[in-house]
């Protein structure tokens, strides 16, 4: 590939990333698919494609792109993260753990990878390890309502209602319309009454 082509590919990837961050996923996917039609081995484009498909909840398509990225580059942390995330949605905890642990080794201190890994560990009955991992994710990204709610749910299951309630309230302070946080606050209130 010529350096002019490389420069052009970088520009396309940057534009695709910009569109993705603006939640213009279809437009981003269109750019990436065009780039991949010319350069099917472009790992960065496959990772971006997988991430966009994930955002659109097109999980099967995300997995296909992530698998291609990992096949081309075994060090694709994004590919492993997406494969782990998709496996966790199917509650395939062992597979999810394997992929997310790999992604975490490649890109430690990534709050999103830690959030997913913590959730998987908790669901594998490694409750303390799961909570510690989720705490780390929250410490790295304190305004992430997904992490706050996941951690809150873990505390709810371990009957630490006070801590769970605080986490859900914090999520609602950040995102007042967060349905999951609202439902969880109600659940904590019901459980406290029963106690």
C-alpha atoms as a PDB file:
ATOM      1  CA  UNK A   1       0.000   0.000   0.000  1.00  0.00           C
ATOM      2  CA  UNK A   2       1.254   3.472  -0.828  1.00  0.00           C
ATOM      3  CA  UNK A   3       1.724   6.127   1.819  1.00  0.00           C
ATOM      4  CA  UNK A   4      -0.921   8.252   0.041  1.00  0.00           C
ATOM      5  CA  UNK A   5      -3.371   5.360   0.508  1.00  0.00           C
ATOM      6  CA  UNK A   6      -2.311   5.011   4.158  1.00  0.00           C
ATOM      7  CA  UNK A   7      -2.950   8.733   4.734  1.00  0.00           C
ATOM      8  CA  UNK A   8      -6.354   8.416   3.091  1.00  0.00           C
ATOM      9  CA  UNK A   9      -7.190   5.351   5.231  1.00  0.00           C
ATOM     10  CA  UNK A  10      -6.232   7.261   8.389  1.00  0.00           C
ATOM     11  CA  UNK A  11      -8.517  10.132   7.361  1.00  0.00           C
ATOM     12  CA  UNK A  12     -11.399   7.710   6.740  1.00  0.00           C
ATOM     13  CA  UNK A  13     -10.831   6.082  10.153  1.00  0.00           C
ATOM     14  CA  UNK A  14     -10.769   9.489  11.866  1.00  0.00           C
ATOM     15  CA  UNK A  15     -13.993  10.519  10.132  1.00  0.00           C
ATOM     16  CA  UNK A  16     -15.622   7.181  11.017  1.00  0.00           C
ATOM     17  CA  UNK A  17     -14.613   7.690  14.665  1.00  0.00           C
ATOM     18  CA  UNK A  18     -16.040  11.236  14.642  1.00  0.00           C
ATOM     19  CA  UNK A  19     -19.341   9.970  13.212  1.00  0.00           C
ATOM     20  CA  UNK A  20     -19.447   7.152  15.791  1.00  0.00           C
ATOM     21  CA  UNK A  21     -18.925   9.618  18.666  1.00  0.00           C
ATOM     22  CA  UNK A  22     -21.821  11.682  17.245  1.00  0.00           C
ATOM     23  CA  UNK A  23     -23.977   8.515  17.285  1.00  0.00           C
ATOM     24  CA  UNK A  24     -24.083   8.509  13.472  1.00  0.00           C
ATOM     25  CA  UNK A  25     -23.368   4.795  13.409  1.00  0.00           C
ATOM     26  CA  UNK A  26     -24.896   3.962  10.021  1.00  0.00           C
ATOM     27  CA  UNK A  27     -22.820   6.663   8.313  1.00  0.00           C
ATOM     28  CA  UNK A  28     -19.696   5.484  10.118  1.00  0.00           C
ATOM     29  CA  UNK A  29     -20.365   1.868   9.089  1.00  0.00           C
ATOM     30  CA  UNK A  30     -20.812   2.929   5.461  1.00  0.00           C
ATOM     31  CA  UNK A  31     -17.380   4.618   5.443  1.00  0.00           C
ATOM     32  CA  UNK A  32     -15.733   1.637   7.127  1.00  0.00           C
ATOM     33  CA  UNK A  33     -17.313  -0.922   4.802  1.00  0.00           C
ATOM     34  CA  UNK A  34     -16.095   1.097   1.824  1.00  0.00           C
ATOM     35  CA  UNK A  35     -12.571   1.164   3.302  1.00  0.00           C
ATOM     36  CA  UNK A  36     -12.707  -2.587   3.984  1.00  0.00           C
ATOM     37  CA  UNK A  37     -13.822  -3.322   0.415  1.00  0.00           C
ATOM     38  CA  UNK A  38     -10.466  -1.865  -0.700  1.00  0.00           C
ATOM     39  CA  UNK A  39      -8.427  -3.139   2.257  1.00  0.00           C
ATOM     40  CA  UNK A  40     -10.086  -6.189   3.879  1.00  0.00           C
ATOM     41  CA  UNK A  41      -7.138  -6.710   6.261  1.00  0.00           C
ATOM     42  CA  UNK A  42      -7.452  -3.271   7.910  1.00  0.00           C
ATOM     43  CA  UNK A  43      -7.688  -4.275  11.579  1.00  0.00           C
ATOM     44  CA  UNK A  44      -8.472  -0.741  12.816  1.00  0.00           C
ATOM     45  CA  UNK A  45     -11.411  -0.533  10.391  1.00  0.00           C
ATOM     46  CA  UNK A  46     -12.693  -3.943  11.524  1.00  0.00           C
ATOM     47  CA  UNK A  47     -12.459  -2.858  15.177  1.00  0.00           C
ATOM     48  CA  UNK A  48     -14.339   0.373  14.462  1.00  0.00           C
ATOM     49  CA  UNK A  49     -16.938  -1.544  12.463  1.00  0.00           C
ATOM     50  CA  UNK A  50     -17.435  -3.997  15.336  1.00  0.00           C
ATOM     51  CA  UNK A  51     -17.745  -1.124  17.833  1.00  0.00           C
ATOM     52  CA  UNK A  52     -20.372   0.634  15.696  1.00  0.00           C
ATOM     53  CA  UNK A  53     -22.355  -2.583  15.265  1.00  0.00           C
ATOM     54  CA  UNK A  54     -22.193  -3.073  19.041  1.00  0.00           C
ATOM     55  CA  UNK A  55     -23.618   0.419  19.575  1.00  0.00           C
ATOM     56  CA  UNK A  56     -26.506  -0.475  17.258  1.00  0.00           C
ATOM     57  CA  UNK A  57     -27.013  -3.739  19.173  1.00  0.00           C
ATOM     58  CA  UNK A  58     -26.205  -5.697  16.003  1.00  0.00           C
ATOM     59  CA  UNK A  59     -24.335  -8.247  18.109  1.00  0.00           C
ATOM     60  CA  UNK A  60     -23.927 -10.959  15.449  1.00  0.00           C
ATOM     61  CA  UNK A  61     -22.429  -8.457  13.018  1.00  0.00           C
ATOM     62  CA  UNK A  62     -20.176  -7.042  15.759  1.00  0.00           C
ATOM     63  CA  UNK A  63     -18.895 -10.546  16.551  1.00  0.00           C
ATOM     64  CA  UNK A  64     -18.131 -11.276  12.873  1.00  0.00           C
ATOM     65  CA  UNK A  65     -16.043  -8.090  12.553  1.00  0.00           C
ATOM     66  CA  UNK A  66     -14.345  -8.677  15.941  1.00  0.00           C
ATOM     67  CA  UNK A  67     -13.448 -12.269  14.984  1.00  0.00           C
ATOM     68  CA  UNK A  68     -11.910 -11.020  11.732  1.00  0.00           C
ATOM     69  CA  UNK A  69      -9.893  -8.387  13.633  1.00  0.00           C
ATOM     70  CA  UNK A  70      -8.603 -10.990  16.123  1.00  0.00           C
ATOM     71  CA  UNK A  71      -7.790 -13.443  13.317  1.00  0.00           C
ATOM     72  CA  UNK A  72      -5.662 -10.767  11.627  1.00  0.00           C
ATOM     73  CA  UNK A  73      -4.127  -9.457  14.854  1.00  0.00           C
ATOM     74  CA  UNK A  74      -4.245 -11.595  18.001  1.00  0.00           C
ATOM     75  CA  UNK A  75      -3.320  -8.438  19.978  1.00  0.00           C
ATOM     76  CA  UNK A  76      -6.573  -6.666  19.009  1.00  0.00           C
ATOM     77  CA  UNK A  77      -7.768  -5.778  22.502  1.00  0.00           C
ATOM     78  CA  UNK A  78     -10.911  -4.216  21.011  1.00  0.00           C
ATOM     79  CA  UNK A  79     -11.680  -7.451  19.158  1.00  0.00           C
ATOM     80  CA  UNK A  80     -11.281  -9.507  22.338  1.00  0.00           C
ATOM     81  CA  UNK A  81     -13.343  -7.015  24.363  1.00  0.00           C
ATOM     82  CA  UNK A  82     -16.235  -7.177  21.875  1.00  0.00           C
ATOM     83  CA  UNK A  83     -16.130 -10.987  21.755  1.00  0.00           C
ATOM     84  CA  UNK A  84     -16.174 -11.071  25.568  1.00  0.00           C
ATOM     85  CA  UNK A  85     -18.986  -8.536  25.806  1.00  0.00           C
ATOM     86  CA  UNK A  86     -21.096 -10.470  23.274  1.00  0.00           C
ATOM     87  CA  UNK A  87     -20.496 -13.744  25.155  1.00  0.00           C
ATOM     88  CA  UNK A  88     -21.552 -12.086  28.432  1.00  0.00           C
ATOM     89  CA  UNK A  89     -24.864 -11.044  26.855  1.00  0.00           C
ATOM     90  CA  UNK A  90     -25.521 -14.723  26.160  1.00  0.00           C
ATOM     91  CA  UNK A  91     -24.413 -15.526  29.731  1.00  0.00           C
ATOM     92  CA  UNK A  92     -21.546 -17.625  28.353  1.00  0.00           C
ATOM     93  CA  UNK A  93     -19.513 -16.637  31.396  1.00  0.00           C
ATOM     94  CA  UNK A  94     -16.411 -18.824  30.823  1.00  0.00           C
ATOM     95  CA  UNK A  95     -15.973 -17.635  27.240  1.00  0.00           C
ATOM     96  CA  UNK A  96     -16.686 -14.040  28.235  1.00  0.00           C
ATOM     97  CA  UNK A  97     -14.121 -14.248  31.037  1.00  0.00           C
ATOM     98  CA  UNK A  98     -11.457 -15.665  28.726  1.00  0.00           C
ATOM     99  CA  UNK A  99     -11.879 -12.873  26.136  1.00  0.00           C
ATOM    100  CA  UNK A 100     -12.246 -10.024  28.642  1.00  0.00           C
ATOM    101  CA  UNK A 101      -9.266 -11.184  30.712  1.00  0.00           C
ATOM    102  CA  UNK A 102      -7.209 -11.173  27.500  1.00  0.00           C
ATOM    103  CA  UNK A 103      -8.426  -7.688  26.592  1.00  0.00           C
ATOM    104  CA  UNK A 104      -7.650  -6.507  30.141  1.00  0.00           C
ATOM    105  CA  UNK A 105      -4.101  -7.875  29.969  1.00  0.00           C
ATOM    106  CA  UNK A 106      -3.564  -5.983  26.705  1.00  0.00           C
ATOM    107  CA  UNK A 107      -5.237  -2.774  27.875  1.00  0.00           C
ATOM    108  CA  UNK A 108      -5.270  -2.674  31.656  1.00  0.00           C
ATOM    109  CA  UNK A 109      -7.053   0.183  33.410  1.00  0.00           C
ATOM    110  CA  UNK A 110      -9.661   0.506  30.646  1.00  0.00           C
ATOM    111  CA  UNK A 111     -12.841   1.230  32.635  1.00  0.00           C
ATOM    112  CA  UNK A 112     -15.197  -0.354  30.070  1.00  0.00           C
ATOM    113  CA  UNK A 113     -13.223  -3.607  29.910  1.00  0.00           C
ATOM    114  CA  UNK A 114     -13.026  -3.668  33.731  1.00  0.00           C
ATOM    115  CA  UNK A 115     -16.775  -3.039  34.015  1.00  0.00           C
ATOM    116  CA  UNK A 116     -17.584  -6.018  31.783  1.00  0.00           C
ATOM    117  CA  UNK A 117     -14.926  -8.210  33.407  1.00  0.00           C
ATOM    118  CA  UNK A 118     -16.212  -7.375  36.902  1.00  0.00           C
ATOM    119  CA  UNK A 119     -19.782  -8.211  35.916  1.00  0.00           C
ATOM    120  CA  UNK A 120     -18.669 -11.542  34.415  1.00  0.00           C
ATOM    121  CA  UNK A 121     -16.596 -12.453  37.485  1.00  0.00           C
ATOM    122  CA  UNK A 122     -19.539 -11.672  39.771  1.00  0.00           C
ATOM    123  CA  UNK A 123     -21.817 -13.877  37.667  1.00  0.00           C
ATOM    124  CA  UNK A 124     -19.239 -16.671  37.785  1.00  0.00           C
ATOM    125  CA  UNK A 125     -19.718 -16.663  41.573  1.00  0.00           C
ATOM    126  CA  UNK A 126     -16.375 -14.884  42.071  1.00  0.00           C
ATOM    127  CA  UNK A 127     -18.277 -12.196  43.927  1.00  0.00           C
ATOM    128  CA  UNK A 128     -15.439 -10.458  45.798  1.00  0.00           C
ATOM    129  CA  UNK A 129     -13.214 -10.377  42.709  1.00  0.00           C
ATOM    130  CA  UNK A 130     -16.143  -9.086  40.628  1.00  0.00           C
ATOM    131  CA  UNK A 131     -16.941  -6.287  43.079  1.00  0.00           C
ATOM    132  CA  UNK A 132     -13.279  -5.262  43.402  1.00  0.00           C
ATOM    133  CA  UNK A 133     -12.973  -5.124  39.594  1.00  0.00           C
ATOM    134  CA  UNK A 134     -16.160  -3.059  39.271  1.00  0.00           C
ATOM    135  CA  UNK A 135     -14.957  -0.717  42.046  1.00  0.00           C
ATOM    136  CA  UNK A 136     -11.814  -0.171  39.983  1.00  0.00           C
ATOM    137  CA  UNK A 137     -13.906   0.622  36.889  1.00  0.00           C
ATOM    138  CA  UNK A 138     -15.933   3.174  38.897  1.00  0.00           C
ATOM    139  CA  UNK A 139     -12.759   4.740  40.329  1.00  0.00           C
ATOM    140  CA  UNK A 140     -11.365   5.170  36.798  1.00  0.00           C
ATOM    141  CA  UNK A 141     -14.635   6.535  35.374  1.00  0.00           C
ATOM    142  CA  UNK A 142     -16.773   7.806  38.286  1.00  0.00           C
ATOM    143  CA  UNK A 143     -19.555   9.203  36.059  1.00  0.00           C
ATOM    144  CA  UNK A 144     -20.218   5.988  34.135  1.00  0.00           C
ATOM    145  CA  UNK A 145     -23.812   5.108  35.006  1.00  0.00           C
ATOM    146  CA  UNK A 146     -23.445   1.564  33.598  1.00  0.00           C
ATOM    147  CA  UNK A 147     -20.590   0.858  36.017  1.00  0.00           C
ATOM    148  CA  UNK A 148     -22.428   2.478  38.925  1.00  0.00           C
ATOM    149  CA  UNK A 149     -25.547   0.384  38.260  1.00  0.00           C
ATOM    150  CA  UNK A 150     -23.620  -2.868  37.695  1.00  0.00           C
ATOM    151  CA  UNK A 151     -21.758  -2.356  40.965  1.00  0.00           C
ATOM    152  CA  UNK A 152     -25.004  -1.409  42.700  1.00  0.00           C
ATOM    153  CA  UNK A 153     -26.674  -4.621  41.497  1.00  0.00           C
ATOM    154  CA  UNK A 154     -23.736  -6.637  42.846  1.00  0.00           C
ATOM    155  CA  UNK A 155     -24.084  -4.962  46.249  1.00  0.00           C
ATOM    156  CA  UNK A 156     -27.838  -5.564  46.103  1.00  0.00           C
ATOM    157  CA  UNK A 157     -27.233  -9.306  45.584  1.00  0.00           C
ATOM    158  CA  UNK A 158     -24.793  -9.385  48.505  1.00  0.00           C
ATOM    159  CA  UNK A 159     -27.421  -7.584  50.647  1.00  0.00           C
ATOM    160  CA  UNK A 160     -25.367  -4.417  51.133  1.00  0.00           C
ATOM    161  CA  UNK A 161     -28.465  -2.260  50.554  1.00  0.00           C
ATOM    162  CA  UNK A 162     -26.945   0.986  51.814  1.00  0.00           C
ATOM    163  CA  UNK A 163     -24.029   0.868  49.379  1.00  0.00           C
ATOM    164  CA  UNK A 164     -26.300  -0.277  46.524  1.00  0.00           C
ATOM    165  CA  UNK A 165     -28.707   2.599  47.182  1.00  0.00           C
ATOM    166  CA  UNK A 166     -25.887   5.172  47.200  1.00  0.00           C
ATOM    167  CA  UNK A 167     -24.595   3.903  43.832  1.00  0.00           C
ATOM    168  CA  UNK A 168     -28.043   3.997  42.201  1.00  0.00           C
ATOM    169  CA  UNK A 169     -28.682   7.492  43.590  1.00  0.00           C
ATOM    170  CA  UNK A 170     -25.333   8.626  42.193  1.00  0.00           C
ATOM    171  CA  UNK A 171     -26.271   7.204  38.777  1.00  0.00           C
ATOM    172  CA  UNK A 172     -29.570   9.140  38.937  1.00  0.00           C
ATOM    173  CA  UNK A 173     -27.750  12.359  39.873  1.00  0.00           C
ATOM    174  CA  UNK A 174     -25.684  11.973  36.699  1.00  0.00           C
ATOM    175  CA  UNK A 175     -28.525  10.729  34.489  1.00  0.00           C
ATOM    176  CA  UNK A 176     -31.943  11.520  36.033  1.00  0.00           C
ATOM    177  CA  UNK A 177     -33.859   9.576  33.351  1.00  0.00           C
ATOM    178  CA  UNK A 178     -31.834   6.357  33.785  1.00  0.00           C
ATOM    179  CA  UNK A 179     -34.564   3.669  33.894  1.00  0.00           C
ATOM    180  CA  UNK A 180     -32.302   0.956  35.273  1.00  0.00           C
ATOM    181  CA  UNK A 181     -31.181   3.161  38.173  1.00  0.00           C
ATOM    182  CA  UNK A 182     -34.806   4.151  38.932  1.00  0.00           C
ATOM    183  CA  UNK A 183     -35.922   0.498  38.981  1.00  0.00           C
ATOM    184  CA  UNK A 184     -32.968  -0.433  41.177  1.00  0.00           C
ATOM    185  CA  UNK A 185     -33.701   2.334  43.721  1.00  0.00           C
ATOM    186  CA  UNK A 186     -37.271   0.984  43.951  1.00  0.00           C
ATOM    187  CA  UNK A 187     -35.931  -2.573  44.385  1.00  0.00           C
ATOM    188  CA  UNK A 188     -33.599  -1.475  47.217  1.00  0.00           C
ATOM    189  CA  UNK A 189     -36.479   0.338  48.928  1.00  0.00           C
ATOM    190  CA  UNK A 190     -38.694  -2.785  48.706  1.00  0.00           C
ATOM    191  CA  UNK A 191     -35.903  -5.003  50.055  1.00  0.00           C
ATOM    192  CA  UNK A 192     -35.179  -2.638  52.952  1.00  0.00           C
ATOM    193  CA  UNK A 193     -38.884  -2.710  53.904  1.00  0.00           C
ATOM    194  CA  UNK A 194     -38.909  -6.521  53.837  1.00  0.00           C
ATOM    195  CA  UNK A 195     -35.823  -6.599  56.051  1.00  0.00           C
END
